[in-house]
Protein backbone atom coordinates (compact mmCIF):
# COMPACT_ATOMS: atom_id res chain seq x y z
CA UNK A 1 82.87 -21.53 -3.01
CA UNK A 2 79.63 -23.15 -3.67
CA UNK A 3 79.70 -26.61 -5.29
CA UNK A 4 79.10 -26.93 -8.88
CA UNK A 5 78.24 -30.38 -9.02
CA UNK A 6 77.86 -33.25 -6.56
CA UNK A 7 79.53 -35.64 -8.36
CA UNK A 8 82.04 -35.91 -11.04
CA UNK A 9 82.71 -39.78 -12.24
CA UNK A 10 85.72 -39.72 -14.37
CA UNK A 11 85.58 -42.23 -17.04
CA UNK A 12 82.31 -42.99 -19.26
CA UNK A 13 83.16 -47.11 -18.91
CA UNK A 14 80.05 -49.28 -18.21
CA UNK A 15 81.36 -48.63 -14.90
CA UNK A 16 81.21 -44.85 -15.00
CA UNK A 17 78.00 -44.91 -17.19
CA UNK A 18 76.24 -47.10 -14.70
CA UNK A 19 76.95 -44.92 -11.72
CA UNK A 20 76.51 -41.50 -12.48
CA UNK A 21 72.63 -43.28 -13.99
CA UNK A 22 71.88 -44.10 -10.15
CA UNK A 23 73.25 -41.31 -8.89
CA UNK A 24 70.73 -39.43 -11.07
CA UNK A 25 67.99 -41.60 -10.28
CA UNK A 26 68.71 -40.67 -6.35
CA UNK A 27 68.14 -36.85 -7.29
CA UNK A 28 72.63 -36.28 -7.31
CA UNK A 29 73.98 -33.44 -9.82
CA UNK A 30 76.57 -35.54 -12.12
CA UNK A 31 79.38 -34.27 -14.40
CA UNK A 32 80.81 -37.83 -16.09
CA UNK A 33 84.28 -36.54 -17.55
CA UNK A 34 86.15 -39.06 -20.47
CA UNK A 35 89.64 -38.64 -22.14
CA UNK A 36 88.15 -40.71 -24.95
CA UNK A 37 86.80 -39.14 -27.62
CA UNK A 38 84.74 -41.45 -28.55
CA UNK A 39 83.79 -45.23 -26.76
CA UNK A 40 86.72 -47.30 -27.33
CA UNK A 41 86.32 -50.46 -30.16
CA UNK A 42 88.45 -52.43 -28.92
CA UNK A 43 87.45 -55.79 -28.04
CA UNK A 44 86.39 -56.91 -24.59
CA UNK A 45 84.15 -58.96 -22.96
CA UNK A 46 81.73 -60.70 -25.25
CA UNK A 47 79.44 -61.76 -22.66
CA UNK A 48 78.05 -60.83 -18.71
CA UNK A 49 77.34 -62.75 -16.30
CA UNK A 50 73.82 -62.79 -14.11
CA UNK A 51 74.73 -60.33 -11.39
CA UNK A 52 75.59 -57.96 -14.13
CA UNK A 53 72.98 -58.75 -17.06
CA UNK A 54 70.35 -58.19 -13.79
CA UNK A 55 71.94 -55.00 -12.80
CA UNK A 56 70.67 -53.82 -16.23
CA UNK A 57 67.51 -55.06 -16.11
CA UNK A 58 66.43 -53.72 -13.28
CA UNK A 59 67.04 -50.08 -15.04
CA UNK A 60 64.59 -50.87 -17.78
CA UNK A 61 66.93 -52.57 -20.08
CA UNK A 62 65.11 -56.35 -20.54
CA UNK A 63 64.28 -55.46 -23.76
CA UNK A 64 67.44 -54.61 -25.27
CA UNK A 65 69.26 -57.48 -23.89
CA UNK A 66 67.01 -59.84 -25.34
CA UNK A 67 67.93 -57.98 -28.41
CA UNK A 68 71.66 -57.97 -28.00
CA UNK A 69 71.38 -61.46 -27.32
CA UNK A 70 69.99 -62.33 -30.34
CA UNK A 71 72.12 -60.24 -32.94
CA UNK A 72 74.67 -62.49 -30.50
CA UNK A 73 73.39 -66.15 -31.19
CA UNK A 74 72.98 -65.11 -35.20
CA UNK A 75 76.48 -63.59 -35.02
CA UNK A 76 77.47 -67.55 -34.18
CA UNK A 77 75.51 -68.86 -36.62
CA UNK A 78 77.83 -69.04 -39.43
CA UNK A 79 80.48 -70.09 -37.39
CA UNK A 80 77.95 -73.11 -36.56
CA UNK A 81 77.54 -74.11 -40.41
CA UNK A 82 81.60 -73.73 -40.52
CA UNK A 83 82.81 -75.71 -37.74
CA UNK A 84 79.53 -77.91 -37.97
CA UNK A 85 79.26 -77.32 -33.55
CA UNK A 86 76.44 -76.55 -32.32
CA UNK A 87 77.28 -73.49 -29.82
CA UNK A 88 73.43 -73.02 -28.48
CA UNK A 89 72.14 -76.25 -28.63
CA UNK A 90 75.57 -77.42 -25.66
CA UNK A 91 74.83 -74.03 -23.45
CA UNK A 92 71.24 -76.07 -22.59
CA UNK A 93 73.16 -77.92 -20.10
CA UNK A 94 76.13 -76.21 -19.31
CA UNK A 95 76.61 -72.77 -17.43
CA UNK A 96 80.13 -71.47 -18.07
CA UNK A 97 83.76 -72.56 -17.82
CA UNK A 98 86.17 -73.01 -14.97
CA UNK A 99 89.46 -72.64 -16.65
CA UNK A 100 88.61 -73.53 -19.48
CA UNK A 101 86.72 -76.68 -18.14
CA UNK A 102 83.62 -76.34 -19.80
CA UNK A 103 81.44 -78.86 -16.46
CA UNK A 104 79.48 -76.41 -14.62
CA UNK A 105 76.23 -77.60 -15.81
CA UNK A 106 72.41 -76.04 -14.91
CA UNK A 107 71.16 -79.25 -13.90
CA UNK A 108 73.20 -78.56 -10.08
CA UNK A 109 72.65 -74.95 -9.94
CA UNK A 110 69.50 -73.29 -6.99
CA UNK A 111 69.36 -70.96 -9.80
CA UNK A 112 69.51 -72.06 -13.54
CA UNK A 113 67.13 -68.92 -15.09
CA UNK A 114 70.19 -66.57 -13.60
CA UNK A 115 72.37 -67.42 -16.61
CA UNK A 116 75.31 -65.21 -18.59
CA UNK A 117 74.20 -63.96 -21.79
CA UNK A 118 76.33 -63.08 -25.27
CA UNK A 119 75.68 -59.25 -24.51
CA UNK A 120 79.17 -57.54 -25.64
CA UNK A 121 80.51 -55.30 -23.80
CA UNK A 122 80.14 -52.46 -26.71
CA UNK A 123 76.29 -53.55 -25.99
CA UNK A 124 75.86 -52.94 -22.68
CA UNK A 125 77.83 -49.04 -22.88
CA UNK A 126 75.62 -48.98 -25.80
CA UNK A 127 72.55 -49.50 -23.84
CA UNK A 128 73.82 -47.42 -20.61
CA UNK A 129 74.88 -44.03 -23.31
CA UNK A 130 71.18 -44.27 -24.28
CA UNK A 131 70.27 -44.15 -21.11
CA UNK A 132 72.77 -41.53 -19.27
CA UNK A 133 71.00 -39.53 -22.34
CA UNK A 134 67.50 -39.84 -22.23
CA UNK A 135 67.88 -38.79 -18.00
CA UNK A 136 70.02 -35.38 -19.55
CA UNK A 137 73.30 -36.22 -17.16
CA UNK A 138 76.31 -34.14 -18.67
CA UNK A 139 78.68 -36.31 -20.19
CA UNK A 140 82.07 -34.94 -21.47
CA UNK A 141 84.71 -36.05 -23.93
CA UNK A 142 88.31 -35.45 -24.42
CA UNK A 143 88.30 -34.32 -20.99
CA UNK A 144 91.72 -35.93 -19.06
CA UNK A 145 91.75 -34.88 -15.45
CA UNK A 146 94.99 -34.07 -14.43
CA UNK A 147 94.51 -33.44 -10.79
CA UNK A 148 92.57 -32.68 -7.88
CA UNK A 149 92.45 -31.26 -4.63
CA UNK A 150 90.16 -33.04 -2.03
CA UNK A 151 89.47 -30.73 1.22
CA UNK A 152 86.91 -30.39 4.08
CA UNK A 153 84.01 -29.15 1.86
CA UNK A 154 84.50 -30.63 -1.63
CA UNK A 155 86.93 -31.13 -4.19
CA UNK A 156 88.51 -29.49 -6.70
CA UNK A 157 89.22 -31.14 -10.22
CA UNK A 158 90.99 -29.85 -12.82
CA UNK A 159 90.64 -31.10 -16.02
CA UNK A 160 93.07 -30.57 -19.86
CA UNK A 161 90.91 -30.39 -23.21
CA UNK A 162 91.62 -29.32 -26.75
CA UNK A 163 89.56 -26.35 -25.47
CA UNK A 164 92.05 -25.96 -22.81
CA UNK A 165 92.40 -26.30 -19.11
CA UNK A 166 88.99 -27.02 -17.33
CA UNK A 167 88.17 -26.60 -13.60
CA UNK A 168 84.92 -27.73 -11.38
CA UNK A 169 84.11 -28.22 -7.43
CA UNK A 170 81.86 -31.11 -6.21
CA UNK A 171 80.99 -32.43 -3.51
CA UNK A 172 82.81 -36.48 -4.40
CA UNK A 173 84.59 -36.98 -6.86
CA UNK A 174 84.58 -40.80 -8.19
CA UNK A 175 87.18 -43.09 -10.28
CA UNK A 176 85.86 -45.54 -13.12
CA UNK A 177 88.90 -44.79 -15.14
CA UNK A 178 90.16 -48.02 -15.46
CA UNK A 179 93.07 -50.27 -13.67
CA UNK A 180 95.87 -47.50 -14.67
CA UNK A 181 93.15 -45.53 -12.63
CA UNK A 182 94.76 -42.21 -12.18
CA UNK A 183 92.41 -40.92 -9.49
CA UNK A 184 93.47 -43.66 -7.68
CA UNK A 185 97.17 -42.67 -7.82
CA UNK A 186 96.58 -39.32 -6.65
CA UNK A 187 93.81 -39.83 -4.17
CA UNK A 188 97.04 -42.22 -2.23
CA UNK A 189 95.05 -45.88 -2.75
CA UNK A 190 96.99 -48.64 -2.41
CA UNK A 191 97.32 -51.38 -4.66
CA UNK A 192 98.59 -54.37 -3.58
CA UNK A 193 98.77 -57.81 -5.53
CA UNK A 194 100.51 -59.64 -7.71
CA UNK A 195 102.44 -59.14 -11.32
CA UNK A 196 101.90 -60.09 -14.27
CA UNK A 197 102.94 -63.73 -15.44
CA UNK A 198 101.92 -64.09 -18.93
CA UNK A 199 99.67 -62.90 -21.67
CA UNK A 200 96.30 -63.04 -23.27
CA UNK A 201 95.02 -61.91 -26.73
CA UNK A 202 91.54 -61.34 -28.40
CA UNK A 203 91.81 -61.22 -32.17
CA UNK A 204 89.26 -61.47 -34.26
CA UNK A 205 91.61 -62.31 -37.38
CA UNK A 206 91.60 -64.55 -41.05
CA UNK A 207 93.49 -67.82 -40.98
CA UNK A 208 94.76 -69.86 -43.62
CA UNK A 209 93.39 -73.06 -42.37
CA UNK A 210 90.93 -72.95 -39.73
CA UNK A 211 89.29 -76.10 -39.58
CA UNK A 212 92.82 -76.80 -38.01
CA UNK A 213 91.58 -75.13 -34.99
CA UNK A 214 88.67 -77.06 -35.10
CA UNK A 215 86.77 -78.58 -32.68
CA UNK A 216 85.75 -75.12 -30.97
CA UNK A 217 86.30 -74.56 -26.95
CA UNK A 218 89.24 -74.58 -24.71
CA UNK A 219 91.95 -76.36 -25.21
CA UNK A 220 95.25 -76.99 -23.23
CA UNK A 221 98.36 -77.80 -24.84
CA UNK A 222 101.52 -77.58 -23.57
CA UNK A 223 102.05 -74.34 -25.19
CA UNK A 224 98.89 -72.67 -23.11
CA UNK A 225 95.03 -72.70 -23.72
CA UNK A 226 93.40 -71.20 -26.80
CA UNK A 227 89.85 -71.38 -27.49
CA UNK A 228 87.79 -70.74 -31.19
CA UNK A 229 84.96 -69.62 -32.15
CA UNK A 230 82.02 -68.54 -31.17
CA UNK A 231 81.60 -66.77 -34.65
CA UNK A 232 83.71 -67.24 -37.32
CA UNK A 233 87.98 -65.53 -37.28
CA UNK A 234 86.66 -65.38 -33.02
CA UNK A 235 90.71 -66.68 -31.72
CA UNK A 236 91.76 -66.35 -27.76
CA UNK A 237 95.27 -67.24 -26.37
CA UNK A 238 96.39 -67.62 -23.12
CA UNK A 239 100.24 -67.58 -23.58
CA UNK A 240 102.84 -68.42 -20.98
CA UNK A 241 105.79 -67.29 -22.03
CA UNK A 242 105.34 -64.18 -20.38
CA UNK A 243 104.30 -61.16 -19.94
CA UNK A 244 104.25 -58.60 -22.91
CA UNK A 245 107.27 -55.88 -23.45
CA UNK A 246 104.79 -52.99 -24.19
CA UNK A 247 101.24 -53.81 -23.42
CA UNK A 248 100.52 -50.03 -24.98
CA UNK A 249 102.20 -51.08 -28.43
CA UNK A 250 99.71 -51.60 -31.68
CA UNK A 251 99.25 -55.37 -32.38
CA UNK A 252 100.33 -57.07 -35.73
CA UNK A 253 98.65 -59.89 -37.78
CA UNK A 254 102.75 -60.90 -37.26
CA UNK A 255 102.84 -61.15 -33.68
CA UNK A 256 99.34 -62.98 -33.03
CA UNK A 257 99.92 -65.27 -35.65
CA UNK A 258 103.22 -65.92 -33.52
CA UNK A 259 101.18 -67.08 -30.41
CA UNK A 260 98.86 -68.44 -32.34
CA UNK A 261 101.40 -70.96 -33.72
CA UNK A 262 102.90 -71.22 -29.94
CA UNK A 263 100.06 -71.61 -28.13
CA UNK A 264 97.93 -73.59 -30.13
CA UNK A 265 101.20 -75.81 -32.21
CA UNK A 266 99.15 -75.81 -34.71
CA UNK A 267 100.46 -74.98 -38.15
CA UNK A 268 98.34 -72.16 -39.14
CA UNK A 269 99.05 -68.58 -40.83
CA UNK A 270 97.13 -65.14 -39.79
CA UNK A 271 96.31 -63.62 -43.78
CA UNK A 272 94.79 -60.47 -42.43
CA UNK A 273 93.65 -58.96 -38.47
CA UNK A 274 90.09 -57.64 -38.27
CA UNK A 275 90.63 -56.55 -34.48
CA UNK A 276 92.40 -57.29 -31.54
CA UNK A 277 93.60 -56.64 -27.84
CA UNK A 278 96.06 -58.19 -25.33
CA UNK A 279 95.90 -58.92 -21.29
CA UNK A 280 97.97 -60.08 -18.65
CA UNK A 281 97.22 -61.45 -14.95
CA UNK A 282 98.07 -58.91 -13.49
CA UNK A 283 95.76 -58.58 -9.86
CA UNK A 284 95.87 -56.34 -7.71
CA UNK A 285 93.20 -54.41 -4.76
CA UNK A 286 92.40 -51.51 -3.35
CA UNK A 287 92.99 -51.32 0.56
CA UNK A 288 89.98 -49.00 0.60
CA UNK A 289 87.47 -47.79 -1.65
CA UNK A 290 86.91 -44.69 -0.64
CA UNK A 291 89.44 -41.96 1.05
CA UNK A 292 87.56 -39.12 2.16
CA UNK A 293 85.36 -37.38 -0.24
CA UNK A 294 87.40 -39.96 -3.28
CA UNK A 295 85.81 -42.95 -3.78
CA UNK A 296 87.01 -45.92 -6.61
CA UNK A 297 84.65 -48.59 -9.11
CA UNK A 298 85.06 -51.24 -10.87
CA UNK A 299 88.95 -52.13 -12.26
CA UNK A 300 90.06 -48.57 -10.99
CA UNK A 301 89.51 -50.79 -7.52
CA UNK A 302 90.78 -53.87 -8.59
CA UNK A 303 92.15 -55.73 -11.67
CA UNK A 304 92.14 -58.82 -12.02
CA UNK A 305 92.71 -61.68 -14.96
CA UNK A 306 89.76 -61.64 -18.05
CA UNK A 307 89.33 -65.09 -18.00
CA UNK A 308 85.56 -66.08 -16.80
CA UNK A 309 84.50 -63.22 -17.78
CA UNK A 310 83.56 -61.69 -14.05
CA UNK A 311 85.31 -58.09 -14.22
CA UNK A 312 82.41 -56.64 -16.45
CA UNK A 313 79.58 -57.47 -14.30
CA UNK A 314 81.52 -56.89 -10.69
CA UNK A 315 82.65 -53.21 -11.65
CA UNK A 316 78.49 -53.12 -12.79
CA UNK A 317 77.63 -54.34 -9.13
CA UNK A 318 80.05 -52.06 -7.54
CA UNK A 319 78.16 -49.28 -9.47
CA UNK A 320 74.98 -50.12 -8.41
CA UNK A 321 76.00 -50.83 -4.40
CA UNK A 322 77.89 -47.25 -4.05
CA UNK A 323 75.22 -44.79 -6.16
CA UNK A 324 72.22 -44.80 -4.24
CA UNK A 325 73.91 -44.86 -1.36
CA UNK A 326 75.87 -41.83 -2.13
CA UNK A 327 72.84 -40.60 -3.17
CA UNK A 328 71.04 -40.39 -0.25
CA UNK A 329 74.42 -38.65 1.73
CA UNK A 330 73.61 -36.21 -0.98
CA UNK A 331 70.20 -35.90 0.18
CA UNK A 332 70.97 -35.73 3.82
CA UNK A 333 68.59 -38.17 4.60
CA UNK A 334 72.48 -40.91 5.62
CA UNK A 335 74.87 -40.08 7.12
CA UNK A 336 78.15 -40.12 5.70
CA UNK A 337 78.84 -43.32 7.66
CA UNK A 338 76.91 -44.82 5.22
CA UNK A 339 79.48 -44.76 2.66
CA UNK A 340 81.47 -46.99 4.78
CA UNK A 341 79.61 -49.70 3.46
CA UNK A 342 80.79 -49.62 0.26
CA UNK A 343 84.01 -50.91 0.66
CA UNK A 344 82.56 -53.66 3.68
CA UNK A 345 80.63 -55.03 1.42
CA UNK A 346 82.29 -54.70 -2.32
CA UNK A 347 85.64 -55.28 -1.51
CA UNK A 348 84.82 -58.76 -0.15
CA UNK A 349 83.29 -59.72 -3.36
CA UNK A 350 86.36 -58.90 -5.29
CA UNK A 351 88.40 -60.42 -2.51
CA UNK A 352 86.87 -63.36 -3.87
CA UNK A 353 87.12 -63.09 -7.65
CA UNK A 354 91.05 -62.08 -7.83
CA UNK A 355 91.39 -65.48 -5.70
CA UNK A 356 89.05 -67.46 -7.92
CA UNK A 357 91.31 -66.14 -11.22
CA UNK A 358 94.66 -67.11 -9.86
CA UNK A 359 93.12 -70.24 -9.09
CA UNK A 360 91.69 -70.69 -12.58
CA UNK A 361 95.41 -69.92 -13.81
CA UNK A 362 97.05 -72.19 -11.76
CA UNK A 363 95.35 -75.02 -13.49
CA UNK A 364 95.57 -73.48 -16.39
CA UNK A 365 99.83 -73.78 -16.29
CA UNK A 366 101.20 -75.51 -19.05
CA UNK A 367 102.64 -78.08 -16.77
CA UNK A 368 102.42 -81.72 -15.00
CA UNK A 369 101.96 -80.17 -11.28
CA UNK A 370 98.86 -77.68 -13.10
CA UNK A 371 97.42 -80.24 -15.12
CA UNK A 372 97.04 -83.82 -12.52
CA UNK A 373 95.19 -80.52 -10.54
CA UNK A 374 93.09 -79.81 -12.85
CA UNK A 375 92.26 -83.26 -13.90
CA UNK A 376 91.22 -83.33 -9.85
CA UNK A 377 89.45 -80.20 -10.37
CA UNK A 378 87.32 -81.98 -12.85
CA UNK A 379 86.24 -85.33 -10.84
CA UNK A 380 85.17 -82.76 -7.83
CA UNK A 381 82.59 -80.78 -10.26
CA UNK A 382 80.84 -84.52 -11.34
CA UNK A 383 79.48 -84.05 -7.69
CA UNK A 384 76.64 -81.48 -7.54
CA UNK A 385 77.59 -79.97 -4.42
CA UNK A 386 80.99 -78.55 -5.89
CA UNK A 387 79.59 -78.24 -9.25
CA UNK A 388 77.21 -75.41 -7.69
CA UNK A 389 79.84 -73.63 -5.62
CA UNK A 390 81.99 -72.90 -8.52
CA UNK A 391 78.79 -72.11 -10.52
CA UNK A 392 77.92 -69.33 -7.94
CA UNK A 393 81.02 -68.78 -7.17
CA UNK A 394 81.87 -67.67 -10.61
CA UNK A 395 78.77 -66.54 -12.19
CA UNK A 396 78.50 -63.41 -8.87
CA UNK A 397 74.94 -65.37 -7.63
CA UNK A 398 77.22 -66.43 -3.97
CA UNK A 399 77.46 -63.14 -3.59
CA UNK A 400 76.06 -62.07 0.72
CA UNK A 401 76.85 -59.00 2.33
CA UNK A 402 77.40 -59.32 5.95
CA UNK A 403 74.25 -57.04 7.44
CA UNK A 404 74.17 -59.25 10.76
CA UNK A 405 71.77 -61.56 10.40
CA UNK A 406 71.31 -65.14 10.68
CA UNK A 407 68.81 -65.50 7.94
CA UNK A 408 70.49 -67.04 5.52
CA UNK A 409 69.44 -64.76 2.25
CA UNK A 410 69.23 -61.58 3.96
CA UNK A 411 72.56 -60.11 1.89
CA UNK A 412 72.48 -61.98 -0.95
CA UNK A 413 71.37 -60.50 -4.21
CA UNK A 414 67.66 -61.45 -5.13
CA UNK A 415 66.62 -62.00 -8.74
CA UNK A 416 64.14 -60.85 -10.46
CA UNK A 417 60.56 -62.05 -10.12
CA UNK A 418 56.45 -62.84 -10.96
CA UNK A 419 54.71 -59.93 -7.78
CA UNK A 420 50.88 -61.36 -9.01
CA UNK A 421 48.57 -62.62 -11.79
CA UNK A 422 51.46 -65.18 -12.62
CA UNK A 423 53.45 -64.86 -16.20
CA UNK A 424 50.79 -61.77 -16.95
CA UNK A 425 51.59 -60.23 -13.38
CA UNK A 426 54.41 -57.29 -13.03
CA UNK A 427 58.01 -58.15 -12.02
CA UNK A 428 59.59 -57.44 -9.23
CA UNK A 429 62.28 -55.68 -11.37
CA UNK A 430 59.70 -53.95 -13.73
CA UNK A 431 59.48 -51.68 -10.06
CA UNK A 432 62.39 -51.03 -9.10
CA UNK A 433 63.69 -49.35 -12.55
CA UNK A 434 63.26 -45.53 -10.84
CA UNK A 435 66.23 -46.48 -8.23
CA UNK A 436 63.52 -47.25 -5.42
CA UNK A 437 63.97 -49.78 -2.94
CA UNK A 438 60.94 -52.08 -2.03
CA UNK A 439 59.22 -53.59 -0.09
CA UNK A 440 57.28 -56.74 -0.47
CA UNK A 441 54.58 -56.83 2.22
CA UNK A 442 53.19 -60.44 2.36
CA UNK A 443 51.78 -59.22 5.65
CA UNK A 444 48.01 -59.98 6.71
CA UNK A 445 47.28 -56.06 8.63
CA UNK A 446 49.74 -53.92 6.65
CA UNK A 447 51.67 -53.04 9.23
CA UNK A 448 55.25 -53.50 7.28
CA UNK A 449 53.54 -51.02 4.69
CA UNK A 450 52.59 -48.77 7.56
CA UNK A 451 55.88 -48.55 9.16
CA UNK A 452 58.00 -47.86 5.69
CA UNK A 453 55.05 -44.77 5.15
CA UNK A 454 56.29 -43.37 8.81
CA UNK A 455 59.62 -43.62 7.65
CA UNK A 456 60.70 -42.95 4.17
CA UNK A 457 59.69 -42.33 0.06
CA UNK A 458 62.50 -43.65 -1.04
CA UNK A 459 61.07 -47.26 -0.08
CA UNK A 460 57.61 -48.86 -2.47
CA UNK A 461 55.57 -51.05 -0.88
CA UNK A 462 53.88 -54.09 -3.07
CA UNK A 463 51.55 -56.75 -1.72
CA UNK A 464 52.56 -59.49 -2.60
CA UNK A 465 49.86 -63.52 -1.74
CA UNK A 466 52.90 -64.99 -0.82
CA UNK A 467 55.03 -64.44 2.03
CA UNK A 468 58.09 -63.72 3.36
CA UNK A 469 58.02 -59.90 3.24
CA UNK A 470 60.71 -58.63 1.81
CA UNK A 471 63.16 -55.18 2.13
CA UNK A 472 64.92 -54.79 -0.92
CA UNK A 473 67.89 -52.11 -1.63
CA UNK A 474 67.64 -50.53 -4.89
CA UNK A 475 70.57 -52.68 -5.42
CA UNK A 476 68.45 -55.87 -5.37
CA UNK A 477 70.17 -56.62 -1.84
CA UNK A 478 67.65 -58.14 0.42
CA UNK A 479 67.89 -55.97 4.11
CA UNK A 480 65.87 -57.61 5.59
CA UNK A 481 63.36 -60.31 5.91
CA UNK A 482 60.11 -60.74 8.10
CA UNK A 483 59.45 -64.38 10.06
CA UNK A 484 55.50 -65.13 9.57
CA UNK A 485 53.80 -61.92 9.86
CA UNK A 486 56.14 -60.59 12.64
CA UNK A 487 57.62 -56.96 11.27
CA UNK A 488 60.03 -57.32 13.48
CA UNK A 489 63.41 -55.32 12.78
CA UNK A 490 61.87 -53.82 9.75
CA UNK A 491 61.88 -50.40 11.23
CA UNK A 492 65.83 -50.63 12.18
CA UNK A 493 66.37 -52.11 9.20
CA UNK A 494 64.68 -48.94 7.58
CA UNK A 495 66.62 -46.65 9.61
CA UNK A 496 70.09 -49.03 8.49
CA UNK A 497 69.48 -48.26 4.82
CA UNK A 498 66.85 -45.75 4.21
CA UNK A 499 66.21 -42.71 6.46
CA UNK A 500 68.46 -42.48 9.29
CA UNK A 501 68.55 -38.68 10.12
CA UNK A 502 65.11 -37.44 10.29
CA UNK A 503 63.84 -34.08 8.71
CA UNK A 504 63.89 -31.98 11.37
CA UNK A 505 67.40 -32.47 12.37
CA UNK A 506 69.83 -29.54 12.16
């Protein structure tokens, strides 16, 4: 039986949608299956770090990001008027927090222009859904995967829907179906880690005395940690009294009120509850991101406490790393072993995120030992090197894949930059929107571009006036840097990432 599509993606959240987009840009035929009838409106991430933002910018969503950011600041205005705080102005110096310590300074960062944006998860999902529609990617909702069978030539996938059961054969199956991933469970992936010990709440609620919850910002108390703002009624609470008895149970105003009073220690009442969600600090990581023809991305591969807002960027970067590689394999230009680099590169990044979120939890606990460690961390963050280390760690800008090079920037994710003409010229991300690799050619004789032309059509050559020359993968990873006018190593890098199998191969 011939495979009916190249890839089935399970899950139409941001990670699943981006995975489908990346694959489609690489020429793959994709079907997305989603169990929900419509996008979830549950409150999730209210902002996104620079790595996730840049993934979207490379795919033509800069204008949508700017519009969403403007809406985010507009939503904060009533809170600013109510609280007397300047949320936007406060962000002019600081760029994030660690365990509620809003001490990460922009002036200590190497690339302060690469920053988080107040773009919420619903906005991100809407941007991606629009791109999916424009690319003609098939998305089937109310389709719950119930099983699959992997064999030598592909994967047979079954699902249930209101119209009955469905079946399709594909070459590869990707689970982007969240922390309780059925694809992960049925695929035999191990998911080791630490069990939940506490409960996070995020809610929009009307309280009788909001002024008692001011000043805004993260506040550590004898009951936990809470924050009020940055728009009216928004509450975040970290309750260390234990995990919920039933995480799936509906959240009542009474539960939010009890948690708020317990954590804040403030005498307030919840008069109305607009929305609420809960999480835990359950922290787990898949043993591998690939088993044969079944792969995982996003929360299906890793779960951790949401404190610090790193999860969405982490998942989007998974999709950006996987999509172009799998598309190259499906086109027959690269061997299947290229997919092994997906786990090799992305799993250590997730491992580092899990470690730093566990560390943040440790110094937020309401005991004297945690308080002493928290004070020590706050003092250490006064040193620029420490501040930069923590800033790059939590933003994801410290990411560096081990590509075997001694050059520091090989393996790093490159930020956007003008390529010519200063502010009026084209930028790097503008030439990356179709999912191609890019060679920034600063060689005087054009030898670098000649090597690209002789090897692959999946790399766009752009002449630049200033060096060094760079080969950049579709996921913005710097795969090669030329030293001086040399092109040594470029051919090897092109074959390693773009065209290992010649056109006349059997």
